[in-house]
Amino acid sequence: MISTQAWADAQVLWDFQQMGHELRPCSVAIGLGSHDLGVADVTADLYHRGLTPLIVFTGATSRTTREAMPEGEAQHYRERALELGVPADAILVETQARNTGENIALSRALLEEHGVPVVSALLVSKPYEERRSYATACKIWPNVNWVSASASMTFVEYVDSIQDARLVIDMLVGAQQRLMVYPEQGFLISQEIPQPAIEAFERLRAEGFTTRLIPGRVS
């Protein structure tokens, strides 16, 4: 049973972790691998809307996806995009990345290998991963104009789509912790974090939403 306070705190983190960028045409769209095929749906939609001529799907597998996506996240995303009518020659696949930093670094290497000039990029993630993905991309590939994109859904709609509220809140808490501790480790750019988000994170952690936290960290 998830408490009313936990739902409210999760909403605070959900709202903070989205960037609210206005979508615009970009050199490429990079779909970040995860358990959520909705990322592939959003990326395909961006292509069909004429906002990008090229897609990169990036991702190996994780403990969350190894059973559901045995061929790798990027490959499953590609298959989904093909089902949605994106032509095969508009998709590149990067299959080795196991974290967001590798997603960006290996996608950059793949695009350079194919001679694709990149001035701007649509960074497609799960809704609650927008801010962390953006901060990582700005750190790893700083000379690109990044535009964050994700499914246009409310928190409740997203939980309903995943059918696992505790997993989603655990993911929100994990993403928030990384926004707080990764800048000092050089993994992403530092951003101002409002006090309500910090307090929401602390309450959720105290209530046991801890499966996605970095072990051994107090913040």
N, C-alpha and C. Protein backbone atom coordinates (compact mmCIF):
# COMPACT_ATOMS: atom_id res chain seq x y z
N MET A 1 0.85 -1.19 0.00
CA MET A 1 0.00 0.00 0.00
C MET A 1 0.89 1.25 0.00
N ILE A 2 0.66 2.13 -0.94
CA ILE A 2 1.44 3.36 -1.05
C ILE A 2 0.66 4.50 -0.40
N SER A 3 1.30 5.20 0.50
CA SER A 3 0.62 6.24 1.27
C SER A 3 0.29 7.45 0.40
N THR A 4 -0.66 8.24 0.88
CA THR A 4 -1.03 9.48 0.19
C THR A 4 0.16 10.42 0.10
N GLN A 5 0.95 10.49 1.18
CA GLN A 5 2.14 11.35 1.17
C GLN A 5 3.15 10.89 0.13
N ALA A 6 3.32 9.57 0.00
CA ALA A 6 4.26 9.06 -0.99
C ALA A 6 3.82 9.41 -2.41
N TRP A 7 2.53 9.29 -2.67
CA TRP A 7 2.03 9.69 -4.00
C TRP A 7 2.31 11.16 -4.26
N ALA A 8 2.08 11.99 -3.25
CA ALA A 8 2.31 13.43 -3.42
C ALA A 8 3.79 13.73 -3.64
N ASP A 9 4.65 13.05 -2.88
CA ASP A 9 6.08 13.26 -3.03
C ASP A 9 6.58 12.78 -4.40
N ALA A 10 6.04 11.65 -4.86
CA ALA A 10 6.42 11.16 -6.18
C ALA A 10 6.00 12.15 -7.26
N GLN A 11 4.87 12.80 -7.08
CA GLN A 11 4.43 13.81 -8.05
C GLN A 11 5.40 14.99 -8.09
N VAL A 12 5.90 15.38 -6.92
CA VAL A 12 6.89 16.47 -6.86
C VAL A 12 8.13 16.10 -7.68
N LEU A 13 8.62 14.88 -7.50
CA LEU A 13 9.81 14.45 -8.25
C LEU A 13 9.50 14.34 -9.73
N TRP A 14 8.35 13.81 -10.07
CA TRP A 14 7.92 13.70 -11.47
C TRP A 14 7.95 15.06 -12.15
N ASP A 15 7.37 16.05 -11.49
CA ASP A 15 7.30 17.41 -12.07
C ASP A 15 8.70 18.00 -12.23
N PHE A 16 9.55 17.82 -11.23
CA PHE A 16 10.89 18.41 -11.30
C PHE A 16 11.75 17.75 -12.36
N GLN A 17 11.61 16.46 -12.53
CA GLN A 17 12.52 15.73 -13.40
C GLN A 17 12.19 15.86 -14.88
N GLN A 18 11.14 16.55 -15.22
CA GLN A 18 10.87 16.86 -16.62
C GLN A 18 11.38 18.27 -16.95
N MET A 19 11.91 18.43 -18.15
CA MET A 19 12.56 19.67 -18.54
C MET A 19 11.60 20.70 -19.15
N GLY A 20 10.52 20.25 -19.74
CA GLY A 20 9.56 21.18 -20.34
C GLY A 20 10.07 21.86 -21.59
N HIS A 21 10.96 21.22 -22.34
CA HIS A 21 11.49 21.82 -23.56
C HIS A 21 10.45 21.86 -24.67
N GLU A 22 10.52 22.89 -25.48
CA GLU A 22 9.68 22.97 -26.67
C GLU A 22 10.37 22.19 -27.80
N LEU A 23 9.66 21.26 -28.39
CA LEU A 23 10.25 20.44 -29.44
C LEU A 23 10.50 21.25 -30.70
N ARG A 24 11.59 20.93 -31.38
CA ARG A 24 11.93 21.61 -32.64
C ARG A 24 12.77 20.65 -33.48
N PRO A 25 12.90 20.90 -34.78
CA PRO A 25 13.70 20.01 -35.63
C PRO A 25 15.15 19.95 -35.18
N CYS A 26 15.71 18.75 -35.20
CA CYS A 26 17.09 18.53 -34.77
C CYS A 26 17.80 17.59 -35.74
N SER A 27 19.12 17.55 -35.64
CA SER A 27 19.94 16.73 -36.53
C SER A 27 19.63 15.25 -36.39
N VAL A 28 19.32 14.82 -35.17
CA VAL A 28 19.13 13.41 -34.88
C VAL A 28 18.26 13.28 -33.65
N ALA A 29 17.59 12.14 -33.51
CA ALA A 29 16.90 11.79 -32.27
C ALA A 29 17.59 10.59 -31.67
N ILE A 30 17.91 10.66 -30.40
CA ILE A 30 18.57 9.56 -29.70
C ILE A 30 17.60 8.99 -28.68
N GLY A 31 17.16 7.75 -28.90
CA GLY A 31 16.24 7.09 -27.99
C GLY A 31 17.02 6.26 -26.99
N LEU A 32 16.91 6.60 -25.72
CA LEU A 32 17.68 5.95 -24.67
C LEU A 32 17.00 4.66 -24.22
N GLY A 33 17.73 3.57 -24.30
CA GLY A 33 17.19 2.27 -23.96
C GLY A 33 16.72 2.17 -22.52
N SER A 34 15.67 1.38 -22.32
CA SER A 34 15.11 1.14 -20.99
C SER A 34 14.09 0.02 -21.10
N HIS A 35 13.35 -0.21 -20.02
CA HIS A 35 12.28 -1.21 -20.03
C HIS A 35 11.04 -0.72 -20.75
N ASP A 36 10.99 0.57 -21.08
CA ASP A 36 9.76 1.22 -21.56
C ASP A 36 9.80 1.39 -23.08
N LEU A 37 9.03 0.56 -23.80
CA LEU A 37 8.95 0.69 -25.26
C LEU A 37 8.30 1.99 -25.69
N GLY A 38 7.67 2.69 -24.77
CA GLY A 38 7.10 3.99 -25.10
C GLY A 38 8.14 4.97 -25.60
N VAL A 39 9.40 4.79 -25.18
CA VAL A 39 10.48 5.65 -25.70
C VAL A 39 10.62 5.48 -27.20
N ALA A 40 10.51 4.24 -27.67
CA ALA A 40 10.57 3.99 -29.11
C ALA A 40 9.37 4.60 -29.81
N ASP A 41 8.21 4.54 -29.19
CA ASP A 41 7.01 5.14 -29.78
C ASP A 41 7.17 6.64 -29.95
N VAL A 42 7.67 7.30 -28.92
CA VAL A 42 7.87 8.75 -28.99
C VAL A 42 8.89 9.09 -30.07
N THR A 43 9.98 8.34 -30.12
CA THR A 43 11.03 8.61 -31.11
C THR A 43 10.50 8.43 -32.52
N ALA A 44 9.72 7.38 -32.75
CA ALA A 44 9.12 7.17 -34.07
C ALA A 44 8.19 8.32 -34.43
N ASP A 45 7.43 8.79 -33.46
CA ASP A 45 6.52 9.91 -33.70
C ASP A 45 7.28 11.17 -34.09
N LEU A 46 8.39 11.42 -33.44
CA LEU A 46 9.21 12.59 -33.78
C LEU A 46 9.68 12.49 -35.23
N TYR A 47 10.06 11.29 -35.64
CA TYR A 47 10.48 11.09 -37.04
C TYR A 47 9.32 11.38 -37.98
N HIS A 48 8.16 10.83 -37.71
CA HIS A 48 7.01 11.02 -38.60
C HIS A 48 6.53 12.47 -38.63
N ARG A 49 6.80 13.20 -37.59
CA ARG A 49 6.42 14.63 -37.55
C ARG A 49 7.45 15.51 -38.25
N GLY A 50 8.49 14.91 -38.77
CA GLY A 50 9.50 15.67 -39.50
C GLY A 50 10.46 16.43 -38.62
N LEU A 51 10.58 16.02 -37.34
CA LEU A 51 11.46 16.72 -36.42
C LEU A 51 12.88 16.18 -36.44
N THR A 52 13.09 15.05 -37.12
CA THR A 52 14.43 14.51 -37.26
C THR A 52 14.49 13.60 -38.48
N PRO A 53 15.61 13.60 -39.21
CA PRO A 53 15.74 12.68 -40.35
C PRO A 53 16.36 11.33 -39.97
N LEU A 54 16.85 11.24 -38.72
CA LEU A 54 17.63 10.07 -38.34
C LEU A 54 17.40 9.75 -36.87
N ILE A 55 17.35 8.45 -36.57
CA ILE A 55 17.17 7.97 -35.20
C ILE A 55 18.36 7.10 -34.81
N VAL A 56 18.83 7.27 -33.59
CA VAL A 56 19.75 6.32 -32.97
C VAL A 56 19.06 5.72 -31.76
N PHE A 57 18.94 4.41 -31.72
CA PHE A 57 18.50 3.72 -30.52
C PHE A 57 19.73 3.13 -29.84
N THR A 58 19.83 3.35 -28.53
CA THR A 58 21.03 2.94 -27.81
C THR A 58 20.68 2.19 -26.54
N GLY A 59 21.33 1.05 -26.32
CA GLY A 59 21.13 0.33 -25.08
C GLY A 59 21.35 -1.16 -25.22
N ALA A 60 22.03 -1.75 -24.24
CA ALA A 60 22.22 -3.20 -24.16
C ALA A 60 21.06 -3.77 -23.37
N THR A 61 21.32 -4.40 -22.25
CA THR A 61 20.27 -4.85 -21.34
C THR A 61 20.66 -4.49 -19.92
N SER A 62 19.68 -4.57 -19.03
CA SER A 62 19.90 -4.32 -17.61
C SER A 62 19.15 -5.38 -16.82
N ARG A 63 19.22 -5.31 -15.52
CA ARG A 63 18.50 -6.28 -14.70
C ARG A 63 16.99 -6.17 -14.91
N THR A 64 16.53 -4.98 -15.33
CA THR A 64 15.10 -4.78 -15.56
C THR A 64 14.67 -5.32 -16.91
N THR A 65 15.58 -5.39 -17.88
CA THR A 65 15.18 -5.69 -19.26
C THR A 65 15.71 -6.99 -19.83
N ARG A 66 16.61 -7.66 -19.13
CA ARG A 66 17.28 -8.81 -19.76
C ARG A 66 16.30 -9.93 -20.13
N GLU A 67 15.21 -10.08 -19.37
CA GLU A 67 14.24 -11.12 -19.72
C GLU A 67 13.26 -10.65 -20.77
N ALA A 68 12.75 -9.42 -20.63
CA ALA A 68 11.75 -8.91 -21.57
C ALA A 68 12.36 -8.52 -22.91
N MET A 69 13.63 -8.12 -22.92
CA MET A 69 14.29 -7.67 -24.14
C MET A 69 15.61 -8.41 -24.33
N PRO A 70 15.57 -9.70 -24.56
CA PRO A 70 16.81 -10.49 -24.60
C PRO A 70 17.76 -10.10 -25.73
N GLU A 71 17.25 -9.50 -26.79
CA GLU A 71 18.11 -9.08 -27.90
C GLU A 71 18.75 -7.73 -27.63
N GLY A 72 18.42 -7.11 -26.53
CA GLY A 72 18.94 -5.79 -26.20
C GLY A 72 17.89 -4.72 -26.41
N GLU A 73 17.96 -3.69 -25.59
CA GLU A 73 16.96 -2.63 -25.62
C GLU A 73 16.92 -1.93 -26.98
N ALA A 74 18.08 -1.58 -27.51
CA ALA A 74 18.12 -0.86 -28.78
C ALA A 74 17.50 -1.67 -29.91
N GLN A 75 17.77 -2.96 -29.94
CA GLN A 75 17.22 -3.81 -30.99
C GLN A 75 15.69 -3.90 -30.88
N HIS A 76 15.20 -4.03 -29.67
CA HIS A 76 13.75 -4.09 -29.48
C HIS A 76 13.11 -2.75 -29.84
N TYR A 77 13.78 -1.66 -29.52
CA TYR A 77 13.29 -0.33 -29.93
C TYR A 77 13.23 -0.24 -31.46
N ARG A 78 14.27 -0.71 -32.11
CA ARG A 78 14.30 -0.67 -33.58
C ARG A 78 13.12 -1.45 -34.16
N GLU A 79 12.88 -2.65 -33.63
CA GLU A 79 11.77 -3.45 -34.13
C GLU A 79 10.44 -2.73 -33.94
N ARG A 80 10.30 -2.07 -32.81
CA ARG A 80 9.07 -1.32 -32.55
C ARG A 80 8.93 -0.16 -33.53
N ALA A 81 10.00 0.56 -33.78
CA ALA A 81 9.94 1.69 -34.71
C ALA A 81 9.61 1.22 -36.13
N LEU A 82 10.17 0.08 -36.54
CA LEU A 82 9.85 -0.47 -37.85
C LEU A 82 8.37 -0.81 -37.93
N GLU A 83 7.81 -1.38 -36.87
CA GLU A 83 6.38 -1.67 -36.83
C GLU A 83 5.55 -0.40 -36.99
N LEU A 84 6.09 0.72 -36.50
CA LEU A 84 5.39 2.00 -36.57
C LEU A 84 5.67 2.75 -37.86
N GLY A 85 6.36 2.12 -38.79
CA GLY A 85 6.51 2.71 -40.11
C GLY A 85 7.75 3.52 -40.35
N VAL A 86 8.71 3.51 -39.43
CA VAL A 86 9.97 4.20 -39.67
C VAL A 86 10.82 3.34 -40.59
N PRO A 87 11.36 3.89 -41.68
CA PRO A 87 12.17 3.07 -42.59
C PRO A 87 13.47 2.63 -41.96
N ALA A 88 13.92 1.45 -42.33
CA ALA A 88 15.13 0.88 -41.73
C ALA A 88 16.35 1.77 -41.93
N ASP A 89 16.43 2.46 -43.07
CA ASP A 89 17.62 3.27 -43.33
C ASP A 89 17.63 4.58 -42.56
N ALA A 90 16.59 4.83 -41.77
CA ALA A 90 16.55 6.02 -40.92
C ALA A 90 16.91 5.69 -39.47
N ILE A 91 17.34 4.44 -39.23
CA ILE A 91 17.62 4.01 -37.86
C ILE A 91 19.03 3.45 -37.76
N LEU A 92 19.78 3.95 -36.79
CA LEU A 92 21.05 3.36 -36.39
C LEU A 92 20.88 2.75 -35.01
N VAL A 93 21.61 1.68 -34.73
CA VAL A 93 21.46 0.96 -33.47
C VAL A 93 22.82 0.83 -32.78
N GLU A 94 22.85 1.20 -31.52
CA GLU A 94 24.04 1.07 -30.68
C GLU A 94 23.67 0.09 -29.56
N THR A 95 24.38 -1.03 -29.46
CA THR A 95 23.93 -2.14 -28.63
C THR A 95 24.78 -2.42 -27.39
N GLN A 96 25.73 -1.56 -27.07
CA GLN A 96 26.66 -1.87 -25.98
C GLN A 96 26.43 -1.06 -24.71
N ALA A 97 25.79 0.08 -24.80
CA ALA A 97 25.68 1.00 -23.66
C ALA A 97 24.87 0.39 -22.52
N ARG A 98 25.39 0.57 -21.30
CA ARG A 98 24.72 0.04 -20.11
C ARG A 98 24.39 1.13 -19.08
N ASN A 99 24.66 2.37 -19.42
CA ASN A 99 24.23 3.49 -18.58
C ASN A 99 24.09 4.72 -19.46
N THR A 100 23.58 5.79 -18.90
CA THR A 100 23.27 6.96 -19.72
C THR A 100 24.52 7.60 -20.31
N GLY A 101 25.59 7.64 -19.53
CA GLY A 101 26.83 8.19 -20.06
C GLY A 101 27.31 7.42 -21.28
N GLU A 102 27.24 6.09 -21.20
CA GLU A 102 27.63 5.28 -22.35
C GLU A 102 26.64 5.46 -23.50
N ASN A 103 25.36 5.61 -23.20
CA ASN A 103 24.38 5.90 -24.26
C ASN A 103 24.83 7.08 -25.11
N ILE A 104 25.24 8.14 -24.43
CA ILE A 104 25.62 9.37 -25.16
C ILE A 104 26.97 9.19 -25.85
N ALA A 105 27.95 8.69 -25.13
CA ALA A 105 29.30 8.56 -25.70
C ALA A 105 29.33 7.61 -26.89
N LEU A 106 28.65 6.47 -26.77
CA LEU A 106 28.67 5.49 -27.85
C LEU A 106 27.78 5.91 -29.02
N SER A 107 26.72 6.63 -28.74
CA SER A 107 25.91 7.18 -29.84
C SER A 107 26.71 8.22 -30.62
N ARG A 108 27.45 9.03 -29.89
CA ARG A 108 28.31 10.02 -30.56
C ARG A 108 29.33 9.33 -31.46
N ALA A 109 29.97 8.28 -30.94
CA ALA A 109 30.95 7.55 -31.75
C ALA A 109 30.31 6.92 -32.98
N LEU A 110 29.11 6.38 -32.83
CA LEU A 110 28.41 5.77 -33.95
C LEU A 110 28.07 6.80 -35.02
N LEU A 111 27.59 7.94 -34.60
CA LEU A 111 27.26 8.99 -35.56
C LEU A 111 28.50 9.52 -36.27
N GLU A 112 29.59 9.66 -35.55
CA GLU A 112 30.84 10.09 -36.17
C GLU A 112 31.33 9.04 -37.17
N GLU A 113 31.16 7.78 -36.82
CA GLU A 113 31.56 6.70 -37.71
C GLU A 113 30.79 6.75 -39.03
N HIS A 114 29.52 7.16 -38.95
CA HIS A 114 28.68 7.26 -40.15
C HIS A 114 28.76 8.63 -40.81
N GLY A 115 29.61 9.50 -40.30
CA GLY A 115 29.80 10.80 -40.90
C GLY A 115 28.60 11.72 -40.77
N VAL A 116 27.85 11.58 -39.70
CA VAL A 116 26.65 12.40 -39.50
C VAL A 116 27.01 13.63 -38.67
N PRO A 117 26.91 14.84 -39.23
CA PRO A 117 27.17 16.04 -38.44
C PRO A 117 26.01 16.30 -37.49
N VAL A 118 26.31 16.56 -36.23
CA VAL A 118 25.26 16.76 -35.23
C VAL A 118 25.43 18.14 -34.59
N VAL A 119 24.45 18.99 -34.85
CA VAL A 119 24.41 20.31 -34.22
C VAL A 119 23.43 20.30 -33.05
N SER A 120 22.34 19.57 -33.23
CA SER A 120 21.30 19.51 -32.21
C SER A 120 20.75 18.09 -32.16
N ALA A 121 20.17 17.73 -31.03
CA ALA A 121 19.66 16.37 -30.88
C ALA A 121 18.45 16.34 -29.97
N LEU A 122 17.45 15.58 -30.39
CA LEU A 122 16.31 15.28 -29.54
C LEU A 122 16.69 14.10 -28.65
N LEU A 123 16.67 14.29 -27.36
CA LEU A 123 17.07 13.27 -26.40
C LEU A 123 15.80 12.65 -25.82
N VAL A 124 15.50 11.44 -26.25
CA VAL A 124 14.22 10.83 -25.91
C VAL A 124 14.41 9.82 -24.78
N SER A 125 13.67 10.02 -23.71
CA SER A 125 13.81 9.19 -22.52
C SER A 125 12.43 8.92 -21.92
N LYS A 126 12.40 8.18 -20.83
CA LYS A 126 11.20 8.08 -20.03
C LYS A 126 10.92 9.46 -19.43
N PRO A 127 9.67 9.80 -19.14
CA PRO A 127 9.37 11.15 -18.63
C PRO A 127 10.17 11.54 -17.40
N TYR A 128 10.36 10.61 -16.47
CA TYR A 128 11.05 10.95 -15.23
C TYR A 128 12.57 10.90 -15.38
N GLU A 129 13.06 10.59 -16.56
CA GLU A 129 14.51 10.58 -16.79
C GLU A 129 14.97 11.78 -17.61
N GLU A 130 14.06 12.68 -17.94
CA GLU A 130 14.44 13.81 -18.80
C GLU A 130 15.60 14.61 -18.22
N ARG A 131 15.46 15.04 -16.97
CA ARG A 131 16.46 15.96 -16.41
C ARG A 131 17.82 15.28 -16.25
N ARG A 132 17.83 14.05 -15.76
CA ARG A 132 19.12 13.37 -15.58
C ARG A 132 19.77 13.07 -16.92
N SER A 133 18.96 12.66 -17.90
CA SER A 133 19.51 12.38 -19.23
C SER A 133 20.09 13.65 -19.85
N TYR A 134 19.35 14.75 -19.70
CA TYR A 134 19.81 16.03 -20.23
C TYR A 134 21.13 16.46 -19.58
N ALA A 135 21.19 16.34 -18.25
CA ALA A 135 22.40 16.75 -17.53
C ALA A 135 23.59 15.88 -17.93
N THR A 136 23.34 14.61 -18.17
CA THR A 136 24.40 13.71 -18.61
C THR A 136 24.87 14.06 -20.02
N ALA A 137 23.92 14.26 -20.91
CA ALA A 137 24.27 14.59 -22.30
C ALA A 137 25.07 15.89 -22.38
N CYS A 138 24.67 16.88 -21.59
CA CYS A 138 25.40 18.16 -21.59
C CYS A 138 26.83 17.99 -21.09
N LYS A 139 27.04 17.04 -20.20
CA LYS A 139 28.38 16.79 -19.69
C LYS A 139 29.23 16.01 -20.69
N ILE A 140 28.65 14.99 -21.30
CA ILE A 140 29.40 14.10 -22.18
C ILE A 140 29.63 14.71 -23.56
N TRP A 141 28.63 15.44 -24.07
CA TRP A 141 28.70 15.99 -25.44
C TRP A 141 28.23 17.43 -25.39
N PRO A 142 29.05 18.33 -24.85
CA PRO A 142 28.60 19.68 -24.51
C PRO A 142 28.35 20.61 -25.69
N ASN A 143 28.89 20.30 -26.85
CA ASN A 143 28.73 21.23 -27.98
C ASN A 143 27.51 20.93 -28.83
N VAL A 144 26.59 20.13 -28.33
CA VAL A 144 25.33 19.84 -29.00
C VAL A 144 24.20 20.57 -28.29
N ASN A 145 23.26 21.10 -29.05
CA ASN A 145 22.06 21.70 -28.48
C ASN A 145 21.05 20.58 -28.20
N TRP A 146 20.84 20.28 -26.93
CA TRP A 146 19.99 19.16 -26.54
C TRP A 146 18.56 19.61 -26.29
N VAL A 147 17.63 18.83 -26.80
CA VAL A 147 16.21 19.08 -26.57
C VAL A 147 15.61 17.80 -25.97
N SER A 148 15.12 17.88 -24.75
CA SER A 148 14.56 16.71 -24.09
C SER A 148 13.15 16.42 -24.59
N ALA A 149 12.86 15.13 -24.74
CA ALA A 149 11.53 14.71 -25.20
C ALA A 149 11.14 13.42 -24.50
N SER A 150 9.86 13.26 -24.26
CA SER A 150 9.34 12.03 -23.66
C SER A 150 7.85 11.97 -23.93
N ALA A 151 7.23 10.87 -23.52
CA ALA A 151 5.79 10.73 -23.70
C ALA A 151 5.05 11.81 -22.91
N SER A 152 4.07 12.42 -23.54
CA SER A 152 3.27 13.45 -22.87
C SER A 152 2.20 12.78 -22.02
N MET A 153 2.56 12.49 -20.76
CA MET A 153 1.68 11.76 -19.86
C MET A 153 1.74 12.38 -18.47
N THR A 154 0.66 12.26 -17.74
CA THR A 154 0.70 12.62 -16.33
C THR A 154 1.36 11.49 -15.54
N PHE A 155 1.69 11.76 -14.31
CA PHE A 155 2.29 10.73 -13.45
C PHE A 155 1.35 9.54 -13.31
N VAL A 156 0.09 9.80 -13.07
CA VAL A 156 -0.88 8.71 -12.90
C VAL A 156 -1.02 7.91 -14.19
N GLU A 157 -1.06 8.59 -15.33
CA GLU A 157 -1.15 7.88 -16.61
C GLU A 157 0.07 6.99 -16.83
N TYR A 158 1.24 7.50 -16.44
CA TYR A 158 2.45 6.71 -16.65
C TYR A 158 2.44 5.47 -15.75
N VAL A 159 2.08 5.64 -14.50
CA VAL A 159 1.99 4.49 -13.59
C VAL A 159 1.02 3.46 -14.14
N ASP A 160 -0.13 3.92 -14.65
CA ASP A 160 -1.11 3.00 -15.22
C ASP A 160 -0.53 2.25 -16.42
N SER A 161 0.30 2.92 -17.21
CA SER A 161 0.87 2.27 -18.39
C SER A 161 1.90 1.22 -18.03
N ILE A 162 2.62 1.44 -16.93
CA ILE A 162 3.66 0.49 -16.50
C ILE A 162 3.06 -0.62 -15.63
N GLN A 163 1.98 -0.30 -14.94
CA GLN A 163 1.31 -1.27 -14.07
C GLN A 163 2.17 -1.73 -12.90
N ASP A 164 3.03 -0.83 -12.41
CA ASP A 164 3.85 -1.14 -11.25
C ASP A 164 4.24 0.17 -10.58
N ALA A 165 3.39 0.65 -9.68
CA ALA A 165 3.60 1.95 -9.06
C ALA A 165 4.89 1.98 -8.25
N ARG A 166 5.17 0.91 -7.52
CA ARG A 166 6.36 0.91 -6.69
C ARG A 166 7.63 0.99 -7.54
N LEU A 167 7.66 0.29 -8.66
CA LEU A 167 8.82 0.38 -9.56
C LEU A 167 9.01 1.81 -10.04
N VAL A 168 7.93 2.46 -10.46
CA VAL A 168 8.04 3.82 -10.97
C VAL A 168 8.55 4.77 -9.89
N ILE A 169 8.03 4.65 -8.67
CA ILE A 169 8.48 5.54 -7.60
C ILE A 169 9.92 5.23 -7.23
N ASP A 170 10.29 3.95 -7.19
CA ASP A 170 11.69 3.61 -6.96
C ASP A 170 12.59 4.26 -8.01
N MET A 171 12.16 4.23 -9.26
CA MET A 171 12.94 4.83 -10.34
C MET A 171 13.05 6.35 -10.17
N LEU A 172 11.96 6.98 -9.77
CA LEU A 172 11.97 8.42 -9.52
C LEU A 172 12.98 8.78 -8.43
N VAL A 173 12.97 8.00 -7.36
CA VAL A 173 13.89 8.25 -6.25
C VAL A 173 15.34 8.03 -6.69
N GLY A 174 15.57 6.97 -7.45
CA GLY A 174 16.92 6.72 -7.95
C GLY A 174 17.42 7.82 -8.86
N ALA A 175 16.55 8.29 -9.74
CA ALA A 175 16.94 9.38 -10.65
C ALA A 175 17.25 10.65 -9.86
N GLN A 176 16.45 10.91 -8.84
CA GLN A 176 16.67 12.12 -8.03
C GLN A 176 18.00 12.05 -7.29
N GLN A 177 18.31 10.89 -6.72
CA GLN A 177 19.58 10.76 -6.03
C GLN A 177 20.75 11.04 -6.97
N ARG A 178 20.67 10.53 -8.18
CA ARG A 178 21.76 10.73 -9.13
C ARG A 178 21.92 12.19 -9.52
N LEU A 179 20.82 12.92 -9.62
CA LEU A 179 20.92 14.35 -9.87
C LEU A 179 21.65 15.06 -8.74
N MET A 180 21.56 14.51 -7.55
CA MET A 180 22.16 15.14 -6.38
C MET A 180 23.62 14.77 -6.19
N VAL A 181 24.02 13.54 -6.57
CA VAL A 181 25.37 13.09 -6.24
C VAL A 181 26.30 12.94 -7.44
N TYR A 182 25.74 12.76 -8.62
CA TYR A 182 26.60 12.52 -9.78
C TYR A 182 27.42 13.73 -10.23
N PRO A 183 26.95 14.98 -10.05
CA PRO A 183 27.80 16.10 -10.49
C PRO A 183 29.17 16.08 -9.84
N GLU A 184 29.25 15.74 -8.54
CA GLU A 184 30.55 15.74 -7.86
C GLU A 184 31.46 14.63 -8.38
N GLN A 185 30.87 13.62 -9.03
CA GLN A 185 31.65 12.53 -9.60
C GLN A 185 31.98 12.77 -11.08
N GLY A 186 31.51 13.89 -11.62
CA GLY A 186 31.81 14.24 -12.99
C GLY A 186 30.96 13.56 -14.04
N PHE A 187 29.84 12.96 -13.61
CA PHE A 187 29.00 12.22 -14.55
C PHE A 187 27.97 13.10 -15.25
N LEU A 188 27.61 14.21 -14.64
CA LEU A 188 26.63 15.10 -15.26
C LEU A 188 26.82 16.52 -14.75
N ILE A 189 26.20 17.47 -15.45
CA ILE A 189 26.33 18.86 -15.03
C ILE A 189 25.51 19.09 -13.76
N SER A 190 25.93 20.07 -12.98
CA SER A 190 25.20 20.41 -11.76
C SER A 190 24.00 21.27 -12.09
N GLN A 191 22.90 21.03 -11.40
CA GLN A 191 21.69 21.83 -11.56
C GLN A 191 21.15 22.19 -10.18
N GLU A 192 20.49 23.32 -10.11
CA GLU A 192 19.87 23.72 -8.85
C GLU A 192 18.68 22.80 -8.57
N ILE A 193 18.64 22.26 -7.37
CA ILE A 193 17.54 21.37 -6.99
C ILE A 193 16.70 22.06 -5.93
N PRO A 194 15.43 22.29 -6.21
CA PRO A 194 14.58 22.99 -5.25
C PRO A 194 14.39 22.20 -3.96
N GLN A 195 14.22 22.91 -2.86
CA GLN A 195 14.07 22.25 -1.56
C GLN A 195 12.90 21.28 -1.51
N PRO A 196 11.74 21.58 -2.12
CA PRO A 196 10.65 20.60 -2.08
C PRO A 196 11.02 19.25 -2.70
N ALA A 197 11.85 19.27 -3.73
CA ALA A 197 12.28 18.01 -4.35
C ALA A 197 13.21 17.25 -3.43
N ILE A 198 14.10 17.95 -2.73
CA ILE A 198 15.00 17.30 -1.79
C ILE A 198 14.20 16.67 -0.65
N GLU A 199 13.22 17.40 -0.14
CA GLU A 199 12.42 16.89 0.97
C GLU A 199 11.57 15.70 0.53
N ALA A 200 11.02 15.76 -0.68
CA ALA A 200 10.23 14.64 -1.20
C ALA A 200 11.11 13.40 -1.34
N PHE A 201 12.31 13.58 -1.84
CA PHE A 201 13.25 12.47 -1.97
C PHE A 201 13.54 11.84 -0.61
N GLU A 202 13.80 12.67 0.39
CA GLU A 202 14.14 12.14 1.72
C GLU A 202 12.98 11.36 2.32
N ARG A 203 11.77 11.85 2.16
CA ARG A 203 10.62 11.13 2.72
C ARG A 203 10.40 9.80 2.01
N LEU A 204 10.53 9.80 0.69
CA LEU A 204 10.34 8.55 -0.06
C LEU A 204 11.42 7.53 0.28
N ARG A 205 12.63 8.00 0.45
CA ARG A 205 13.70 7.08 0.84
C ARG A 205 13.42 6.49 2.22
N ALA A 206 12.98 7.34 3.14
CA ALA A 206 12.67 6.86 4.49
C ALA A 206 11.51 5.88 4.48
N GLU A 207 10.62 6.01 3.50
CA GLU A 207 9.46 5.12 3.43
C GLU A 207 9.79 3.80 2.72
N GLY A 208 11.03 3.68 2.24
CA GLY A 208 11.45 2.39 1.71
C GLY A 208 11.53 2.27 0.21
N PHE A 209 11.45 3.39 -0.50
CA PHE A 209 11.58 3.35 -1.96
C PHE A 209 13.06 3.47 -2.30
N THR A 210 13.76 2.37 -2.16
CA THR A 210 15.22 2.41 -2.16
C THR A 210 15.90 1.45 -3.14
N THR A 211 15.13 0.69 -3.91
CA THR A 211 15.77 -0.36 -4.71
C THR A 211 16.64 0.18 -5.83
N ARG A 212 16.44 1.43 -6.22
CA ARG A 212 17.24 2.02 -7.30
C ARG A 212 18.27 3.01 -6.81
N LEU A 213 18.48 3.05 -5.51
CA LEU A 213 19.48 3.97 -4.96
C LEU A 213 20.89 3.43 -5.17
N ILE A 214 21.86 4.34 -5.22
CA ILE A 214 23.26 3.95 -5.29
C ILE A 214 23.66 3.43 -3.91
N PRO A 215 24.14 2.22 -3.81
CA PRO A 215 24.50 1.66 -2.48
C PRO A 215 25.56 2.50 -1.79
N GLY A 216 25.38 2.67 -0.49
CA GLY A 216 26.39 3.34 0.32
C GLY A 216 26.33 4.84 0.33
N ARG A 217 25.34 5.43 -0.37
CA ARG A 217 25.22 6.89 -0.38
C ARG A 217 24.17 7.32 0.60
N VAL A 218 24.43 8.38 1.37
CA VAL A 218 23.46 8.87 2.34
C VAL A 218 22.55 9.92 1.73
N SER A 219 22.94 10.48 0.59
CA SER A 219 22.10 11.48 -0.07
C SER A 219 21.62 10.92 -1.40
